[in-house]
Amino acid sequence: MNDFTLISASDSSLSDHAFIGRHLIAGAWRDSADGATFDRSSPSHGALISRSAKGGEAETLAAIAAARRAFDAGDWAFSSGKARATLLNRVADLIDLERERIARIEVLESGKPIAQARAEIEGAADIWRYAAALARTIHGDSHNSLGADMLGLVLKEPIGVAAMITPWNFPFLIVSQKLPFALAAGCTAVVKPSELTPSTTVILGELLIEAGLPDGVCNIVLGYGDPVGTILSTHPDVDMVSFTGSTGVGKRIVAAAAGTLKKVSLELGGKNPQVIFPDADLDAAADAITFGVHFNAGECCNSGSRIIVHEDVAQVLTDKVVALSRKVPFGDPLDDRTQVGAIISDQHMAKIYGYVRDAQAAGAQVVLGGGELTVPGLDGRFYQPTVVAGVTPEMAIAREEVFGPVLSVLTFRTEEQAIALANDAAYGLSAGVWSRDVHTCLTFARRLRAGTVWTNTWMDGFSELPFGGVKESGLGRELGRYGIEEYLELKTVQMRVARGRANWVAG
């Protein structure tokens, strides 16, 4: 019996007026030259939420030119760390003031729960403040050990114009993992948000103007990957592309950027394992697993979408996860009680269905869920919390991103087998291990090929700690002091301090 916890539509009425989004280019809000627009309807309510200018070649080239001029003029690139930090802190304060407005439009465009959205906006403000602190700590090195005649300097300079292409699942949070670090480094930027969730980035542009960011330092172009993302990835006046999204698109960006050899930073997909040993706290593990797979409806690169559990406790743990999953409130994302909202699009819903159907055909057992949820009062798309047992390593559901609230359960007998299963994926974004034995946890942390490893917890995050993956999960890191390094170039300056230089040609 699939008895789930549903939150019906609340009394919250939607506005009759859609949010109107325009491009921000050289400090001015612009419609598209051809007047083209695109609409976004709520995946949870079905109503029209936003109408945005649809960027084309003209708008993209204008934004790149504005960012290039702003960088080459040098006013921002050579501004003091104190000045940049002051502005970034001002943006953080404005984000806090606008938290409810930002959260609401993000809920309506993405389908995520309002309580989660508020927390993400609060976390984004913290990232802006952390980046502000880094703006005052950038420094190079000096080398006075090169002999009496020479002094060497290593300068850290902004890389230039950074293009940022951001996804639909955490639109405000992820742009805040990129843009403040680029600005703190002295770069200028062109930002392209997902066409599914463009509006909170537009609001961020409003806050940047209010905070006093100079014209052209940050530009925003709304629209689709083709042509906007394609031009950003190939244009010679763009010095760097930072992209978060699917591994497939990331590979295409690398190929497109090769023509100009621009730097590429990628945060891509994950098929993240949690390994559970028989001595683990199974109640704590079950709760974290339930959170990890259902958070953001599973539409998360860090989703804990596969567990690798010891055979001795596999059934007990699975039963606990199933029981907890039935209690997770799915439904109206505008209700404070809701923990899981809607699926982003019809196409994505079909993809989730496909993975579960194919796993069943291959012999796996769906022990919970596996179908669509009907939420009273809502004209949206919701997928049931789903647990699939009897999964084997060769199944697609065990190897590929489902990006939905679907958990795959695999089992192991020996530690070596568990390590092999955990590393048996093209991805390497994050991983987890559950054991009361610190030696077991440390062994796994060192042997798992992943950018982040959690022990006896899942998906905690801090502005101070870097985030990114290995293998096909990406290139480079965001957050932490390493996050600002992505936007800096090293320059060596060699200074002869002695008055004379020995002649090479005898005179």
Protein backbone atom coordinates (compact mmCIF):
# COMPACT_ATOMS: atom_id res chain seq x y z
CA MET A 1 0.00 0.00 0.00
CA ASN A 2 1.50 3.33 -1.11
CA ASP A 3 0.00 5.65 1.49
CA PHE A 4 1.88 8.93 1.23
CA THR A 5 1.77 12.20 3.15
CA LEU A 6 0.23 14.86 0.92
CA ILE A 7 -0.14 18.60 1.43
CA SER A 8 -3.13 19.89 -0.53
CA ALA A 9 -3.27 23.28 -2.16
CA SER A 10 -3.18 26.11 0.36
CA ASP A 11 -5.30 29.22 0.27
CA SER A 12 -2.38 31.24 -1.08
CA SER A 13 -3.58 32.95 -4.25
CA LEU A 14 -1.24 33.51 -7.17
CA SER A 15 -0.85 36.97 -8.61
CA ASP A 16 -2.64 37.70 -11.86
CA HIS A 17 0.47 39.47 -13.11
CA ALA A 18 3.46 37.52 -14.40
CA PHE A 19 6.96 38.63 -13.45
CA ILE A 20 8.50 40.52 -16.37
CA GLY A 21 12.19 39.84 -16.91
CA ARG A 22 14.54 41.76 -19.18
CA HIS A 23 18.23 41.63 -20.00
CA LEU A 24 20.70 43.68 -17.96
CA ILE A 25 23.35 45.07 -20.30
CA ALA A 26 25.79 47.84 -19.44
CA GLY A 27 23.69 48.85 -16.44
CA ALA A 28 20.41 49.18 -18.37
CA TRP A 29 17.38 46.89 -18.60
CA ARG A 30 16.62 45.95 -22.19
CA ASP A 31 14.05 44.03 -24.18
CA SER A 32 15.27 41.81 -26.98
CA ALA A 33 15.99 43.61 -30.23
CA ASP A 34 13.42 41.46 -32.06
CA GLY A 35 10.89 41.69 -29.23
CA ALA A 36 10.96 37.93 -28.60
CA THR A 37 9.85 36.61 -25.20
CA PHE A 38 9.31 33.25 -23.52
CA ASP A 39 6.93 32.19 -20.76
CA ARG A 40 7.33 30.03 -17.68
CA SER A 41 4.40 28.30 -16.01
CA SER A 42 4.54 26.88 -12.50
CA PRO A 43 5.27 23.14 -12.44
CA SER A 44 3.19 22.87 -9.26
CA HIS A 45 0.25 25.19 -9.97
CA GLY A 46 0.11 25.31 -13.77
CA ALA A 47 -0.30 29.10 -13.83
CA LEU A 48 1.76 31.58 -15.86
CA ILE A 49 4.51 32.87 -13.58
CA SER A 50 6.97 34.85 -15.67
CA ARG A 51 7.48 36.33 -19.12
CA SER A 52 11.08 37.01 -20.06
CA ALA A 53 12.92 38.64 -22.92
CA LYS A 54 14.38 35.93 -25.16
CA GLY A 55 18.00 36.69 -25.85
CA GLY A 56 19.61 36.18 -29.22
CA GLU A 57 22.91 36.97 -30.86
CA ALA A 58 22.47 40.75 -30.59
CA GLU A 59 21.88 40.75 -26.82
CA THR A 60 24.63 38.23 -26.11
CA LEU A 61 27.23 40.13 -28.11
CA ALA A 62 26.17 43.40 -26.48
CA ALA A 63 26.54 41.88 -23.01
CA ILE A 64 29.99 40.47 -23.80
CA ALA A 65 31.09 43.84 -25.20
CA ALA A 66 29.84 45.62 -22.07
CA ALA A 67 31.71 43.22 -19.79
CA ARG A 68 34.85 43.55 -21.91
CA ARG A 69 34.77 47.34 -21.78
CA ALA A 70 34.16 47.35 -18.04
CA PHE A 71 37.09 45.01 -17.43
CA ASP A 72 39.54 46.68 -19.81
CA ALA A 73 38.79 50.12 -18.36
CA GLY A 74 40.33 48.80 -15.16
CA ASP A 75 38.18 50.66 -12.67
CA TRP A 76 36.74 47.43 -11.24
CA ALA A 77 39.72 45.17 -11.93
CA PHE A 78 42.06 47.53 -10.08
CA SER A 79 39.65 48.57 -7.35
CA SER A 80 40.68 47.82 -3.79
CA GLY A 81 39.69 44.68 -1.98
CA LYS A 82 38.01 46.89 0.58
CA ALA A 83 35.81 48.54 -2.06
CA ARG A 84 34.77 45.21 -3.57
CA ALA A 85 34.09 43.71 -0.14
CA THR A 86 31.93 46.68 0.85
CA LEU A 87 29.78 46.25 -2.25
CA LEU A 88 29.44 42.48 -1.84
CA ASN A 89 28.37 42.90 1.77
CA ARG A 90 25.81 45.46 0.65
CA VAL A 91 24.41 42.92 -1.83
CA ALA A 92 24.16 40.33 0.97
CA ASP A 93 22.18 42.78 3.11
CA LEU A 94 19.80 43.46 0.21
CA ILE A 95 19.32 39.73 -0.37
CA ASP A 96 18.28 39.37 3.26
CA LEU A 97 15.77 42.19 2.87
CA GLU A 98 14.30 40.64 -0.28
CA ARG A 99 14.40 37.01 0.91
CA GLU A 100 10.66 36.44 0.85
CA ARG A 101 10.20 37.94 -2.61
CA ILE A 102 13.11 35.95 -4.06
CA ALA A 103 11.96 32.73 -2.41
CA ARG A 104 8.38 33.02 -3.64
CA ILE A 105 9.24 33.49 -7.31
CA GLU A 106 11.79 30.70 -7.08
CA VAL A 107 9.13 28.37 -5.65
CA LEU A 108 6.69 29.22 -8.40
CA GLU A 109 9.20 28.74 -11.22
CA SER A 110 10.99 25.65 -9.86
CA GLY A 111 8.35 23.85 -7.78
CA LYS A 112 10.55 23.59 -4.68
CA PRO A 113 9.08 24.08 -1.17
CA ILE A 114 8.96 27.59 0.26
CA ALA A 115 10.76 26.66 3.50
CA GLN A 116 13.63 25.19 1.50
CA ALA A 117 13.77 28.21 -0.80
CA ARG A 118 14.00 30.59 2.14
CA ALA A 119 16.89 28.58 3.57
CA GLU A 120 18.69 28.63 0.23
CA ILE A 121 18.34 32.41 -0.10
CA GLU A 122 19.67 32.81 3.43
CA GLY A 123 22.59 30.55 2.54
CA ALA A 124 23.24 32.56 -0.61
CA ALA A 125 23.56 35.76 1.42
CA ASP A 126 26.13 34.01 3.61
CA ILE A 127 28.14 33.08 0.51
CA TRP A 128 28.17 36.71 -0.64
CA ARG A 129 29.53 37.72 2.77
CA TYR A 130 32.16 34.99 2.65
CA ALA A 131 33.27 36.11 -0.81
CA ALA A 132 33.46 39.66 0.51
CA ALA A 133 35.93 38.49 3.14
CA LEU A 134 38.03 36.83 0.44
CA ALA A 135 38.14 40.06 -1.58
CA ARG A 136 40.35 41.58 1.12
CA THR A 137 42.67 38.60 1.41
CA ILE A 138 43.80 38.09 -2.20
CA HIS A 139 47.56 38.38 -2.40
CA GLY A 140 50.48 37.03 -4.35
CA ASP A 141 53.98 36.02 -3.25
CA SER A 142 57.44 37.50 -3.23
CA HIS A 143 60.70 35.63 -3.69
CA ASN A 144 63.79 37.26 -2.24
CA SER A 145 65.87 34.09 -2.44
CA LEU A 146 66.85 34.49 -6.09
CA GLY A 147 70.18 36.13 -5.35
CA ALA A 148 71.31 39.64 -4.50
CA ASP A 149 70.45 41.01 -7.95
CA MET A 150 66.89 39.75 -8.38
CA LEU A 151 63.50 39.99 -6.75
CA GLY A 152 60.59 37.83 -7.94
CA LEU A 153 56.90 38.60 -7.59
CA VAL A 154 53.92 36.35 -8.27
CA LEU A 155 50.80 38.43 -8.82
CA LYS A 156 47.23 37.12 -8.68
CA GLU A 157 45.11 39.00 -11.18
CA PRO A 158 41.47 38.67 -12.30
CA ILE A 159 41.10 36.39 -15.29
CA GLY A 160 38.90 38.88 -17.16
CA VAL A 161 35.38 38.37 -18.51
CA ALA A 162 33.68 35.35 -16.93
CA ALA A 163 30.58 33.80 -18.47
CA MET A 164 28.29 31.97 -16.04
CA ILE A 165 25.66 29.50 -17.17
CA THR A 166 23.47 28.40 -14.28
CA PRO A 167 20.86 25.61 -13.86
CA TRP A 168 17.19 25.44 -12.91
CA ASN A 169 17.38 23.33 -9.75
CA PHE A 170 19.05 25.89 -7.44
CA PRO A 171 18.98 29.07 -9.53
CA PHE A 172 19.71 31.68 -6.87
CA LEU A 173 22.04 29.58 -4.75
CA ILE A 174 24.24 28.47 -7.63
CA VAL A 175 24.63 31.90 -9.20
CA SER A 176 25.72 32.93 -5.70
CA GLN A 177 28.37 30.20 -5.73
CA LYS A 178 29.89 31.83 -8.82
CA LEU A 179 29.23 35.54 -9.21
CA PRO A 180 30.43 36.94 -5.85
CA PHE A 181 33.74 35.08 -6.18
CA ALA A 182 34.27 36.46 -9.69
CA LEU A 183 33.44 39.98 -8.50
CA ALA A 184 35.66 39.59 -5.45
CA ALA A 185 38.53 38.66 -7.79
CA GLY A 186 37.97 41.76 -9.93
CA CYS A 187 36.38 40.04 -12.93
CA THR A 188 33.42 41.22 -14.94
CA ALA A 189 30.63 38.81 -15.87
CA VAL A 190 27.88 37.77 -18.21
CA VAL A 191 25.27 35.52 -16.55
CA LYS A 192 22.79 33.27 -18.37
CA PRO A 193 20.26 31.66 -16.04
CA SER A 194 18.19 28.65 -17.07
CA GLU A 195 15.20 29.48 -19.24
CA LEU A 196 13.10 27.51 -16.72
CA THR A 197 14.01 29.69 -13.74
CA PRO A 198 15.22 33.09 -14.97
CA SER A 199 13.49 35.50 -12.61
CA THR A 200 15.51 35.30 -9.39
CA THR A 201 18.67 36.14 -11.34
CA VAL A 202 16.88 39.22 -12.67
CA ILE A 203 16.04 40.20 -9.10
CA LEU A 204 19.72 39.75 -8.21
CA GLY A 205 20.54 42.16 -11.03
CA GLU A 206 18.22 44.71 -9.45
CA LEU A 207 20.04 44.31 -6.14
CA LEU A 208 23.45 44.70 -7.80
CA ILE A 209 22.34 48.01 -9.29
CA GLU A 210 20.92 49.15 -5.95
CA ALA A 211 24.19 48.20 -4.25
CA GLY A 212 26.12 50.43 -6.66
CA LEU A 213 27.89 47.92 -8.92
CA PRO A 214 29.39 49.86 -11.84
CA ASP A 215 27.67 49.55 -15.21
CA GLY A 216 28.80 46.60 -17.27
CA VAL A 217 30.53 44.73 -14.46
CA CYS A 218 27.67 42.22 -14.33
CA ASN A 219 25.41 41.64 -17.32
CA ILE A 220 22.47 39.21 -17.56
CA VAL A 221 21.16 37.65 -20.77
CA LEU A 222 17.97 35.60 -20.59
CA GLY A 223 17.22 32.83 -23.03
CA TYR A 224 18.24 29.40 -24.25
CA GLY A 225 21.53 27.58 -24.55
CA ASP A 226 21.34 28.05 -28.30
CA PRO A 227 22.32 30.72 -29.14
CA VAL A 228 23.20 32.43 -25.82
CA GLY A 229 25.25 29.67 -24.19
CA THR A 230 26.91 28.75 -27.46
CA ILE A 231 28.12 32.29 -28.09
CA LEU A 232 29.36 32.67 -24.51
CA SER A 233 31.35 29.43 -24.86
CA THR A 234 33.02 30.38 -28.14
CA HIS A 235 33.49 34.16 -28.15
CA PRO A 236 37.13 35.26 -27.95
CA ASP A 237 36.32 38.18 -25.62
CA VAL A 238 35.11 35.74 -22.94
CA ASP A 239 38.08 34.57 -20.89
CA MET A 240 36.34 31.89 -18.85
CA VAL A 241 33.13 29.86 -18.73
CA SER A 242 31.71 28.59 -15.44
CA PHE A 243 28.88 26.10 -16.00
CA THR A 244 26.67 24.06 -13.69
CA GLY A 245 24.42 21.46 -15.25
CA SER A 246 24.44 18.08 -16.94
CA THR A 247 27.61 16.23 -17.86
CA GLY A 248 26.48 16.00 -21.48
CA VAL A 249 26.16 19.77 -21.85
CA GLY A 250 29.42 20.25 -19.92
CA LYS A 251 31.27 18.14 -22.48
CA ARG A 252 29.81 20.23 -25.30
CA ILE A 253 30.95 23.43 -23.58
CA VAL A 254 34.50 22.06 -23.26
CA ALA A 255 34.49 21.26 -26.97
CA ALA A 256 33.09 24.69 -27.86
CA ALA A 257 35.62 26.50 -25.66
CA ALA A 258 38.55 24.65 -27.20
CA GLY A 259 38.62 27.00 -30.18
CA THR A 260 39.75 29.91 -28.01
CA LEU A 261 41.40 27.85 -25.23
CA LYS A 262 39.40 29.73 -22.63
CA LYS A 263 39.33 28.38 -19.09
CA VAL A 264 36.36 26.18 -18.24
CA SER A 265 35.03 25.43 -14.76
CA LEU A 266 32.34 22.73 -14.58
CA GLU A 267 30.08 21.44 -11.80
CA LEU A 268 28.26 18.53 -13.37
CA GLY A 269 26.32 15.40 -12.49
CA GLY A 270 26.65 12.81 -9.79
CA LYS A 271 25.53 9.28 -8.95
CA ASN A 272 26.39 9.58 -5.32
CA PRO A 273 26.75 6.48 -3.13
CA GLN A 274 26.22 6.09 0.58
CA VAL A 275 27.87 2.98 2.03
CA ILE A 276 26.22 1.63 5.19
CA PHE A 277 28.10 -0.83 7.40
CA PRO A 278 26.27 -3.14 9.83
CA ASP A 279 27.60 -1.22 12.87
CA ALA A 280 26.08 2.07 11.66
CA ASP A 281 23.36 3.96 13.51
CA LEU A 282 20.61 2.72 11.20
CA ASP A 283 17.97 5.19 12.39
CA ALA A 284 20.26 8.15 11.71
CA ALA A 285 21.32 6.65 8.40
CA ALA A 286 17.74 6.01 7.32
CA ASP A 287 16.74 9.61 8.03
CA ALA A 288 19.76 11.00 6.16
CA ILE A 289 19.15 8.66 3.22
CA THR A 290 15.50 9.74 3.05
CA PHE A 291 16.59 13.39 3.12
CA GLY A 292 19.34 12.82 0.57
CA VAL A 293 17.13 11.23 -2.07
CA HIS A 294 13.94 13.27 -1.65
CA PHE A 295 15.45 16.73 -1.02
CA ASN A 296 14.51 19.06 -3.90
CA ALA A 297 12.48 16.15 -5.34
CA GLY A 298 15.79 14.45 -6.09
CA GLU A 299 16.59 17.16 -8.64
CA CYS A 300 20.02 17.70 -7.15
CA CYS A 301 23.50 16.81 -8.37
CA ASN A 302 24.34 15.82 -4.77
CA SER A 303 21.33 13.55 -4.44
CA GLY A 304 22.10 10.40 -2.46
CA SER A 305 20.42 8.36 -5.14
CA ARG A 306 22.10 5.00 -4.48
CA ILE A 307 22.87 3.24 -1.24
CA ILE A 308 25.29 0.36 -0.89
CA VAL A 309 24.28 -1.45 2.28
CA HIS A 310 25.71 -4.52 3.98
CA GLU A 311 23.62 -7.63 3.38
CA ASP A 312 23.12 -8.21 7.11
CA VAL A 313 21.19 -4.95 7.57
CA ALA A 314 19.87 -4.30 4.05
CA GLN A 315 16.28 -5.35 4.72
CA VAL A 316 16.05 -3.55 8.05
CA LEU A 317 17.46 -0.34 6.61
CA THR A 318 15.28 -0.50 3.51
CA ASP A 319 12.19 -0.93 5.65
CA LYS A 320 13.16 2.10 7.73
CA VAL A 321 13.68 4.25 4.62
CA VAL A 322 10.36 3.14 3.16
CA ALA A 323 8.53 3.98 6.40
CA LEU A 324 10.15 7.42 6.60
CA SER A 325 9.53 8.13 2.92
CA ARG A 326 5.80 7.63 3.45
CA LYS A 327 5.90 10.35 6.11
CA VAL A 328 7.69 12.99 4.00
CA PRO A 329 5.16 15.73 3.11
CA PHE A 330 4.84 16.04 -0.69
CA GLY A 331 2.59 18.68 -2.23
CA ASP A 332 1.91 22.40 -2.38
CA PRO A 333 5.29 24.14 -2.35
CA LEU A 334 3.73 27.35 -1.01
CA ASP A 335 2.77 25.55 2.21
CA ASP A 336 5.37 25.81 4.98
CA ARG A 337 4.80 22.15 5.90
CA THR A 338 5.78 20.79 2.49
CA GLN A 339 9.22 19.19 2.19
CA VAL A 340 9.06 17.97 -1.43
CA GLY A 341 7.45 19.83 -4.31
CA ALA A 342 6.91 19.40 -8.02
CA ILE A 343 8.97 17.95 -10.88
CA ILE A 344 10.38 20.67 -13.14
CA SER A 345 8.86 19.62 -16.51
CA ASP A 346 6.85 16.99 -18.36
CA GLN A 347 9.98 15.86 -20.19
CA HIS A 348 11.81 15.31 -16.94
CA MET A 349 8.87 13.42 -15.45
CA ALA A 350 8.99 11.05 -18.44
CA LYS A 351 12.71 10.52 -17.89
CA ILE A 352 12.15 9.50 -14.24
CA TYR A 353 9.39 7.09 -15.27
CA GLY A 354 11.72 5.55 -17.82
CA TYR A 355 14.48 4.73 -15.36
CA VAL A 356 12.09 3.06 -12.92
CA ARG A 357 10.30 1.12 -15.66
CA ASP A 358 13.58 -0.13 -17.14
CA ALA A 359 14.85 -1.21 -13.70
CA GLN A 360 11.69 -3.24 -13.15
CA ALA A 361 12.09 -4.86 -16.55
CA ALA A 362 15.67 -5.79 -15.62
CA GLY A 363 14.52 -7.55 -12.43
CA ALA A 364 14.60 -4.87 -9.73
CA GLN A 365 11.70 -4.54 -7.28
CA VAL A 366 9.87 -1.26 -6.67
CA VAL A 367 9.11 -1.52 -2.95
CA LEU A 368 7.63 1.98 -2.71
CA GLY A 369 6.20 4.43 -5.20
CA GLY A 370 7.03 4.27 -8.86
CA GLY A 371 4.31 6.55 -10.20
CA GLU A 372 2.77 9.99 -10.28
CA LEU A 373 1.22 11.68 -7.26
CA THR A 374 -2.06 13.52 -7.49
CA VAL A 375 -2.15 16.44 -5.06
CA PRO A 376 -5.63 17.79 -4.33
CA GLY A 377 -6.17 21.31 -5.60
CA LEU A 378 -3.01 21.49 -7.71
CA ASP A 379 -2.63 21.24 -11.47
CA GLY A 380 1.02 20.21 -11.36
CA ARG A 381 3.35 17.26 -11.74
CA PHE A 382 4.49 15.31 -8.68
CA TYR A 383 6.35 11.99 -8.51
CA GLN A 384 5.94 9.51 -5.69
CA PRO A 385 8.78 8.88 -3.24
CA THR A 386 10.25 5.73 -4.75
CA VAL A 387 12.55 3.01 -3.42
CA VAL A 388 13.91 0.37 -5.80
CA ALA A 389 15.54 -2.73 -4.28
CA GLY A 390 17.33 -5.63 -5.91
CA VAL A 391 19.35 -3.23 -8.05
CA THR A 392 22.49 -4.61 -9.66
CA PRO A 393 25.53 -2.55 -10.70
CA GLU A 394 24.98 -2.83 -14.45
CA MET A 395 21.46 -1.35 -14.38
CA ALA A 396 21.08 2.20 -15.69
CA ILE A 397 19.28 3.23 -12.49
CA ALA A 398 22.48 2.35 -10.59
CA ARG A 399 24.83 4.21 -12.93
CA GLU A 400 23.02 7.24 -14.36
CA GLU A 401 21.41 10.33 -12.87
CA VAL A 402 17.68 9.85 -12.43
CA PHE A 403 17.28 13.38 -10.98
CA GLY A 404 14.09 12.45 -9.18
CA PRO A 405 12.96 11.14 -5.75
CA VAL A 406 14.13 7.60 -6.58
CA LEU A 407 16.47 5.54 -4.40
CA SER A 408 18.43 2.55 -5.70
CA VAL A 409 19.40 -0.10 -3.15
CA LEU A 410 22.49 -2.26 -3.76
CA THR A 411 24.12 -4.64 -1.29
CA PHE A 412 27.65 -5.76 -0.41
CA ARG A 413 29.36 -8.40 1.71
CA THR A 414 33.01 -7.24 2.08
CA GLU A 415 34.68 -3.88 2.52
CA GLU A 416 36.60 -4.26 -0.72
CA GLN A 417 33.39 -4.99 -2.57
CA ALA A 418 31.77 -1.88 -1.09
CA ILE A 419 34.66 0.34 -2.17
CA ALA A 420 34.58 -1.13 -5.67
CA LEU A 421 30.83 -0.57 -5.99
CA ALA A 422 31.09 2.99 -4.68
CA ASN A 423 33.78 3.88 -7.21
CA ASP A 424 32.08 2.01 -10.06
CA ALA A 425 30.58 5.05 -11.76
CA ALA A 426 31.59 7.61 -14.35
CA TYR A 427 30.81 10.31 -11.78
CA GLY A 428 32.73 11.39 -8.71
CA LEU A 429 30.89 14.28 -7.10
CA SER A 430 30.10 13.16 -3.55
CA ALA A 431 29.86 10.04 -1.42
CA GLY A 432 29.10 8.98 2.14
CA VAL A 433 29.97 6.28 4.64
CA TRP A 434 28.08 5.20 7.75
CA SER A 435 29.92 3.39 10.55
CA ARG A 436 30.64 3.87 14.25
CA ASP A 437 34.27 2.92 13.55
CA VAL A 438 36.36 5.99 12.75
CA HIS A 439 38.97 3.83 11.04
CA THR A 440 36.35 2.51 8.62
CA CYS A 441 35.17 6.06 7.90
CA LEU A 442 38.68 7.39 7.29
CA THR A 443 39.63 4.46 5.10
CA PHE A 444 36.59 5.06 2.93
CA ALA A 445 37.11 8.82 2.83
CA ARG A 446 40.60 8.27 1.44
CA ARG A 447 39.70 5.55 -1.04
CA LEU A 448 36.45 6.94 -2.47
CA ARG A 449 36.97 8.89 -5.69
CA ALA A 450 34.76 11.89 -4.98
CA GLY A 451 35.10 15.62 -4.45
CA THR A 452 33.22 15.49 -1.14
CA VAL A 453 32.90 12.62 1.33
CA TRP A 454 30.46 12.77 4.24
CA THR A 455 30.83 10.47 7.23
CA ASN A 456 27.73 9.72 9.34
CA THR A 457 25.86 12.60 7.75
CA TRP A 458 24.73 13.73 4.31
CA MET A 459 24.71 16.98 2.36
CA ASP A 460 25.89 19.38 5.02
CA GLY A 461 27.43 22.44 3.39
CA PHE A 462 29.55 25.40 4.41
CA SER A 463 30.77 28.45 2.52
CA GLU A 464 34.29 27.75 3.78
CA LEU A 465 34.59 24.30 2.18
CA PRO A 466 35.20 23.74 -1.54
CA PHE A 467 32.67 21.92 -3.70
CA GLY A 468 33.20 20.11 -6.99
CA GLY A 469 33.82 16.71 -8.47
CA VAL A 470 36.28 14.36 -10.15
CA LYS A 471 35.91 12.17 -13.23
CA GLU A 472 32.79 13.18 -15.20
CA SER A 473 31.44 15.28 -12.34
CA GLY A 474 33.41 18.30 -13.40
CA LEU A 475 36.48 20.51 -13.36
CA GLY A 476 37.54 23.02 -10.72
CA ARG A 477 35.98 23.99 -7.41
CA GLU A 478 33.44 26.45 -6.07
CA LEU A 479 33.19 27.89 -2.55
CA GLY A 480 35.95 28.08 0.03
CA ARG A 481 39.12 30.04 -0.59
CA TYR A 482 39.62 27.78 -3.61
CA GLY A 483 36.49 29.23 -5.18
CA ILE A 484 38.11 32.59 -5.80
CA GLU A 485 41.21 30.94 -7.29
CA GLU A 486 39.08 29.84 -10.25
CA TYR A 487 38.79 33.50 -11.28
CA LEU A 488 42.45 34.45 -10.87
CA GLU A 489 45.47 34.20 -13.15
CA LEU A 490 49.08 34.06 -11.98
CA LYS A 491 51.61 36.51 -13.36
CA THR A 492 55.34 36.32 -12.67
CA VAL A 493 57.27 39.60 -12.40
CA GLN A 494 61.07 39.32 -12.35
CA MET A 495 62.82 42.49 -11.18
CA ARG A 496 66.53 43.16 -11.49
CA VAL A 497 67.34 45.27 -8.46
CA ALA A 498 71.07 45.57 -9.13
CA ARG A 499 72.17 48.53 -11.22
CA GLY A 500 74.00 46.56 -13.84
CA ARG A 501 73.35 43.44 -15.89
CA ALA A 502 76.18 41.32 -17.22
CA ASN A 503 76.44 41.77 -20.98
CA TRP A 504 75.74 38.74 -23.17
CA VAL A 505 77.60 40.24 -26.14
CA ALA A 506 81.14 41.29 -25.41
CA GLY A 507 81.65 44.95 -26.12
